[in-house]
Amino acid sequence: MRKTKKCQEKTAEMQDGTKRYPLSLHRVLAYQPRIAADDGGYSVASIVNHGRPMHDKTASKRCELLKIDGRLVEIKIKLNPRARRPIVKVNPSNGEVSVIVPSPRALEHALRFVRGEADWIAHQLACVPPPVLLQPGARIPLRGTDHKIVPGDGRTTRLDEPARVIRVGGRLEHAPRRLIDFLKCEARRDFETRVLAYSAQIGVHPRRIVLRDTRSRWGSCSAARYLSFSWRLVLAPPFVLDYVAAHETAHLREMNHGPKFWALVRDLIGDVERPQDWLRQNGAGLHRYRDLR
């Protein structure tokens, strides 16, 4: 496809708070969310852009300060020889701003591009949700429903569902760790229940289920039939966790994203567009809940 000058100067704004420059109009229009491969398998959509995560093995890093919307913002500069053009990213979870350059020669060009996109960066930063510390007094959405965290008796953490309260026992300074342990246990129970049901339907079972706290993906399936999930999905509505569990379980039979794979996912849960839309719109917000570290 021949590229016109107008096409070559087109700048693309991606779903993950990313701008690439320059990028042909063909690639802008052709861009579609993709599923990333990992360990010989496939993963559910990226947390950041519901697409393929960049493998940023940085050779060197430096930082620049840029005045944006009246305040100094740290810009992390990362060198990645595999990048084909400068890429500006704003992490929608924590507001980190970075620019990835393919070589040191592109650095000054990338910095000029960043300065020219100060208004865009300010808009992206304004959309970053404020952090919520996991400690007594905070409120978190367990399975999509708001719950309050309160001190509990003894050393255990338990759920008081009628009152929509999570009672965290033990010393106050250990509350964040105990709460995260509790959420991981709840997430494991939900995922194991879903995966057991789905794998029985397709006749293939995983060798292992692992919970992680990844920022690049919600779940993955390896060629060794290991399923990995983000425990933070227990904070989302149940239909979202159902989708991710069904997606990865379907990879046990179809290690691709062809028509047979999507037909299998739909056989397991029906609607896939609703949870995908929810993750695109709300997924980054699940990372706002943090411990005190």
Protein backbone atom coordinates (compact mmCIF):
# COMPACT_ATOMS: atom_id res chain seq x y z
CA MET A 1 0.00 0.00 0.00
CA ARG A 2 1.46 3.38 -1.05
CA LYS A 3 1.82 5.88 1.76
CA THR A 4 0.98 9.51 1.23
CA LYS A 5 2.71 12.27 3.14
CA LYS A 6 -0.49 12.81 5.11
CA CYS A 7 -0.50 9.16 6.10
CA GLN A 8 3.14 9.24 7.16
CA GLU A 9 2.55 12.20 9.46
CA LYS A 10 -0.46 10.64 11.15
CA THR A 11 -0.13 10.24 14.91
CA ALA A 12 -2.07 7.43 16.55
CA GLU A 13 -3.62 7.57 19.99
CA MET A 14 -3.94 4.04 21.31
CA GLN A 15 -6.25 2.65 23.98
CA ASP A 16 -3.45 2.24 26.53
CA GLY A 17 -2.46 5.88 26.86
CA THR A 18 0.12 5.49 24.09
CA LYS A 19 1.12 7.67 21.18
CA ARG A 20 3.35 6.51 18.37
CA TYR A 21 4.98 8.86 15.89
CA PRO A 22 5.12 8.72 12.95
CA LEU A 23 2.60 6.00 12.04
CA SER A 24 0.95 5.44 8.69
CA LEU A 25 -2.80 5.90 8.37
CA HIS A 26 -2.95 2.30 7.19
CA ARG A 27 -1.59 1.06 10.50
CA VAL A 28 -3.89 3.38 12.47
CA LEU A 29 -6.99 2.04 10.77
CA ALA A 30 -5.76 -1.53 10.77
CA TYR A 31 -4.86 -1.58 14.46
CA GLN A 32 -6.98 -4.06 16.38
CA PRO A 33 -6.62 -5.35 19.95
CA ARG A 34 -4.65 -8.58 19.97
CA ILE A 35 -3.87 -11.39 22.34
CA ALA A 36 -0.29 -11.85 23.40
CA ALA A 37 1.69 -15.08 23.40
CA ASP A 38 3.52 -16.14 26.53
CA ASP A 39 5.52 -19.29 27.29
CA GLY A 40 4.30 -20.96 24.14
CA GLY A 41 0.66 -20.20 24.93
CA TYR A 42 -1.77 -17.33 24.75
CA SER A 43 -2.94 -14.71 27.18
CA VAL A 44 -6.09 -12.73 27.71
CA ALA A 45 -6.04 -9.14 26.65
CA SER A 46 -3.47 -6.73 27.96
CA ILE A 47 -4.40 -4.81 31.16
CA VAL A 48 -3.22 -1.64 29.61
CA ASN A 49 -4.39 -1.75 26.04
CA HIS A 50 -6.26 -5.02 25.64
CA GLY A 51 -3.58 -5.80 23.06
CA ARG A 52 -0.05 -7.05 22.63
CA PRO A 53 2.27 -5.90 25.42
CA MET A 54 5.65 -4.49 24.49
CA HIS A 55 8.65 -6.47 25.72
CA ASP A 56 10.69 -3.57 26.98
CA LYS A 57 14.12 -4.97 27.78
CA THR A 58 15.77 -1.67 28.46
CA ALA A 59 19.40 -1.21 27.68
CA SER A 60 19.59 2.18 29.44
CA LYS A 61 17.27 4.60 31.22
CA ARG A 62 17.24 8.27 32.06
CA CYS A 63 14.65 10.74 33.25
CA GLU A 64 13.61 14.20 32.14
CA LEU A 65 11.35 16.68 33.92
CA LEU A 66 8.63 18.27 31.82
CA LYS A 67 6.24 20.99 33.00
CA ILE A 68 2.73 19.78 32.23
CA ASP A 69 -0.40 21.59 33.33
CA GLY A 70 1.55 23.71 35.80
CA ARG A 71 3.48 20.89 37.50
CA LEU A 72 6.72 19.03 36.88
CA VAL A 73 6.20 15.51 35.57
CA GLU A 74 8.99 12.95 35.42
CA ILE A 75 9.39 11.42 31.96
CA LYS A 76 11.16 8.07 31.97
CA ILE A 77 13.18 7.51 28.81
CA LYS A 78 13.79 3.91 27.83
CA LEU A 79 15.99 2.61 25.05
CA ASN A 80 14.60 -0.39 23.22
CA PRO A 81 16.30 -1.34 19.91
CA ARG A 82 13.23 -3.34 18.89
CA ALA A 83 11.02 -0.25 18.89
CA ARG A 84 10.52 1.00 15.34
CA ARG A 85 9.56 4.55 16.32
CA PRO A 86 9.35 6.74 19.43
CA ILE A 87 6.41 5.75 21.63
CA VAL A 88 4.94 7.86 24.43
CA LYS A 89 3.01 5.99 27.11
CA VAL A 90 1.01 7.07 30.14
CA ASN A 91 0.35 4.20 32.51
CA PRO A 92 -3.38 4.39 33.29
CA SER A 93 -2.85 2.64 36.62
CA ASN A 94 -0.22 4.85 38.26
CA GLY A 95 0.29 7.80 35.89
CA GLU A 96 3.89 6.95 35.00
CA VAL A 97 4.91 8.72 31.79
CA SER A 98 7.55 7.13 29.60
CA VAL A 99 8.94 7.46 26.12
CA ILE A 100 10.52 4.50 24.37
CA VAL A 101 13.12 5.22 21.71
CA PRO A 102 14.79 2.77 19.31
CA SER A 103 18.25 4.36 19.58
CA PRO A 104 20.04 7.25 21.30
CA ARG A 105 19.94 9.15 18.00
CA ALA A 106 16.14 9.34 18.25
CA LEU A 107 16.21 10.78 21.78
CA GLU A 108 16.04 14.48 20.95
CA HIS A 109 13.35 13.86 18.35
CA ALA A 110 11.33 11.90 20.93
CA LEU A 111 11.67 14.66 23.54
CA ARG A 112 10.41 17.24 21.05
CA PHE A 113 7.48 14.96 20.36
CA VAL A 114 6.76 14.64 24.10
CA ARG A 115 6.84 18.41 24.58
CA GLY A 116 4.43 18.81 21.70
CA GLU A 117 2.03 16.35 23.31
CA ALA A 118 1.94 18.05 26.73
CA ASP A 119 -1.82 18.69 26.50
CA TRP A 120 -2.49 15.05 25.56
CA ILE A 121 -0.33 13.83 28.45
CA ALA A 122 -2.13 16.16 30.87
CA HIS A 123 -5.47 14.74 29.73
CA GLN A 124 -4.24 11.17 30.24
CA LEU A 125 -2.92 12.01 33.72
CA ALA A 126 -6.26 13.57 34.66
CA CYS A 127 -7.90 10.21 33.90
CA VAL A 128 -5.65 8.24 36.28
CA PRO A 129 -7.74 7.24 39.32
CA PRO A 130 -6.34 8.19 42.74
CA PRO A 131 -4.83 5.27 44.69
CA VAL A 132 -6.80 3.53 47.43
CA LEU A 133 -4.67 2.16 50.27
CA LEU A 134 -5.72 -1.27 51.46
CA GLN A 135 -6.24 -0.54 55.13
CA PRO A 136 -9.14 -0.24 57.59
CA GLY A 137 -11.48 2.56 56.60
CA ALA A 138 -11.05 2.03 52.85
CA ARG A 139 -13.73 0.68 50.54
CA ILE A 140 -13.06 -1.88 47.79
CA PRO A 141 -15.30 -3.55 45.19
CA LEU A 142 -15.25 -7.23 46.09
CA ARG A 143 -16.84 -9.06 43.13
CA GLY A 144 -17.98 -5.70 41.87
CA THR A 145 -19.87 -4.79 45.06
CA ASP A 146 -18.62 -2.09 47.40
CA HIS A 147 -17.30 -3.40 50.76
CA LYS A 148 -15.81 -1.53 53.68
CA ILE A 149 -12.59 -2.67 55.37
CA VAL A 150 -12.79 -2.61 59.16
CA PRO A 151 -10.63 -3.99 62.01
CA GLY A 152 -11.63 -7.47 63.11
CA ASP A 153 -11.25 -9.63 66.19
CA GLY A 154 -8.54 -12.25 66.46
CA ARG A 155 -5.98 -12.93 63.74
CA THR A 156 -8.18 -13.99 60.83
CA THR A 157 -9.78 -12.01 58.02
CA ARG A 158 -13.37 -12.80 57.24
CA LEU A 159 -16.16 -11.57 55.04
CA ASP A 160 -19.40 -10.29 56.56
CA GLU A 161 -21.48 -10.40 53.38
CA PRO A 162 -24.82 -9.18 54.79
CA ALA A 163 -23.12 -6.06 56.14
CA ARG A 164 -20.81 -5.80 53.10
CA VAL A 165 -17.82 -5.58 55.40
CA ILE A 166 -14.39 -7.25 55.37
CA ARG A 167 -13.08 -7.66 58.91
CA VAL A 168 -9.29 -7.78 59.01
CA GLY A 169 -7.78 -9.28 62.17
CA GLY A 170 -4.30 -8.92 63.60
CA ARG A 171 -2.11 -5.88 64.07
CA LEU A 172 -2.98 -2.75 62.10
CA GLU A 173 0.38 -2.57 60.31
CA HIS A 174 -0.21 -6.08 58.92
CA ALA A 175 -3.69 -5.29 57.64
CA PRO A 176 -2.70 -4.64 53.97
CA ARG A 177 -0.85 -7.96 53.70
CA ARG A 178 -3.65 -9.87 55.41
CA LEU A 179 -6.24 -8.24 53.19
CA ILE A 180 -4.33 -9.10 50.00
CA ASP A 181 -3.93 -12.69 51.22
CA PHE A 182 -7.68 -12.82 51.80
CA LEU A 183 -8.45 -11.43 48.32
CA LYS A 184 -6.09 -13.94 46.73
CA CYS A 185 -7.85 -16.79 48.52
CA GLU A 186 -11.23 -15.52 47.33
CA ALA A 187 -9.92 -15.17 43.78
CA ARG A 188 -8.43 -18.66 43.80
CA ARG A 189 -11.70 -20.15 44.96
CA ASP A 190 -13.61 -18.37 42.20
CA PHE A 191 -11.15 -19.28 39.46
CA GLU A 192 -10.85 -22.91 40.51
CA THR A 193 -14.64 -23.25 40.55
CA ARG A 194 -15.02 -21.69 37.10
CA VAL A 195 -12.11 -23.50 35.49
CA LEU A 196 -13.23 -26.86 36.88
CA ALA A 197 -16.66 -26.37 35.35
CA TYR A 198 -15.39 -25.08 32.01
CA SER A 199 -12.67 -27.71 31.61
CA ALA A 200 -15.22 -30.45 32.30
CA GLN A 201 -17.31 -29.06 29.43
CA ILE A 202 -14.46 -29.13 26.92
CA GLY A 203 -12.84 -32.33 28.20
CA VAL A 204 -9.36 -30.87 28.87
CA HIS A 205 -8.05 -30.00 32.32
CA PRO A 206 -5.21 -27.67 33.37
CA ARG A 207 -2.17 -29.02 35.15
CA ARG A 208 -1.97 -26.02 37.45
CA ILE A 209 -3.71 -22.73 38.29
CA VAL A 210 -1.52 -19.82 39.40
CA LEU A 211 -2.50 -16.38 40.72
CA ARG A 212 -0.29 -13.38 40.00
CA ASP A 213 -0.39 -9.59 40.17
CA THR A 214 0.58 -8.70 36.61
CA ARG A 215 0.03 -5.39 34.84
CA SER A 216 0.43 -6.61 31.28
CA ARG A 217 -2.33 -9.24 31.16
CA TRP A 218 -5.33 -10.58 33.02
CA GLY A 219 -4.59 -14.23 32.38
CA SER A 220 -2.52 -16.61 30.30
CA CYS A 221 -2.32 -20.24 29.25
CA SER A 222 1.00 -21.98 28.61
CA ALA A 223 1.72 -24.89 26.32
CA ALA A 224 2.25 -26.98 29.48
CA ARG A 225 -1.41 -26.32 30.39
CA TYR A 226 -0.62 -23.94 33.24
CA LEU A 227 -3.31 -21.28 33.70
CA SER A 228 -2.32 -17.97 35.26
CA PHE A 229 -4.74 -15.27 36.41
CA SER A 230 -4.59 -11.84 38.03
CA TRP A 231 -6.05 -12.02 41.53
CA ARG A 232 -7.36 -8.48 41.07
CA LEU A 233 -10.19 -9.82 38.93
CA VAL A 234 -11.96 -10.77 42.16
CA LEU A 235 -12.59 -7.03 42.46
CA ALA A 236 -14.47 -7.00 39.15
CA PRO A 237 -18.09 -8.09 38.59
CA PRO A 238 -18.42 -11.90 38.34
CA PHE A 239 -19.18 -11.88 34.60
CA VAL A 240 -15.70 -10.41 33.99
CA LEU A 241 -13.92 -13.14 35.96
CA ASP A 242 -16.12 -15.71 34.20
CA TYR A 243 -14.95 -14.43 30.82
CA VAL A 244 -11.24 -14.50 31.66
CA ALA A 245 -11.56 -18.00 33.15
CA ALA A 246 -13.44 -19.22 30.07
CA HIS A 247 -10.98 -17.53 27.72
CA GLU A 248 -7.94 -19.22 29.23
CA THR A 249 -9.69 -22.57 29.67
CA ALA A 250 -10.65 -22.53 25.99
CA HIS A 251 -6.95 -22.23 25.15
CA LEU A 252 -6.44 -25.69 26.62
CA ARG A 253 -8.17 -26.97 23.50
CA GLU A 254 -7.57 -24.18 20.99
CA MET A 255 -4.13 -22.54 21.32
CA ASN A 256 -5.05 -19.76 18.91
CA HIS A 257 -7.60 -17.02 18.41
CA GLY A 258 -9.33 -18.38 15.36
CA PRO A 259 -13.06 -18.89 14.76
CA LYS A 260 -13.07 -22.24 16.57
CA PHE A 261 -11.56 -20.66 19.67
CA TRP A 262 -14.10 -17.85 19.86
CA ALA A 263 -16.94 -20.25 19.17
CA LEU A 264 -15.73 -22.34 22.11
CA VAL A 265 -15.56 -19.31 24.42
CA ARG A 266 -19.08 -18.32 23.44
CA ASP A 267 -20.28 -21.87 24.07
CA LEU A 268 -18.90 -21.56 27.62
CA ILE A 269 -20.17 -18.11 28.60
CA GLY A 270 -22.24 -16.67 25.76
CA ASP A 271 -21.60 -12.92 25.63
CA VAL A 272 -17.92 -11.96 25.27
CA GLU A 273 -18.33 -8.34 24.21
CA ARG A 274 -19.72 -7.15 27.56
CA PRO A 275 -16.76 -8.30 29.71
CA GLN A 276 -14.29 -7.13 27.06
CA ASP A 277 -15.87 -3.67 27.11
CA TRP A 278 -15.78 -3.65 30.92
CA LEU A 279 -12.06 -4.46 30.96
CA ARG A 280 -11.28 -1.77 28.41
CA GLN A 281 -13.19 0.86 30.37
CA ASN A 282 -12.48 -0.18 33.97
CA GLY A 283 -9.57 -2.62 33.99
CA ALA A 284 -6.88 -0.08 34.80
CA GLY A 285 -8.86 1.03 37.86
CA LEU A 286 -8.36 -2.38 39.50
CA HIS A 287 -4.71 -1.41 40.05
CA ARG A 288 -5.59 1.64 42.13
CA TYR A 289 -5.96 -0.61 45.21
CA ARG A 290 -2.50 -0.86 46.79
CA ASP A 291 -0.76 -1.75 49.99
CA LEU A 292 1.28 0.76 51.97
CA ARG A 293 4.58 -0.03 50.27
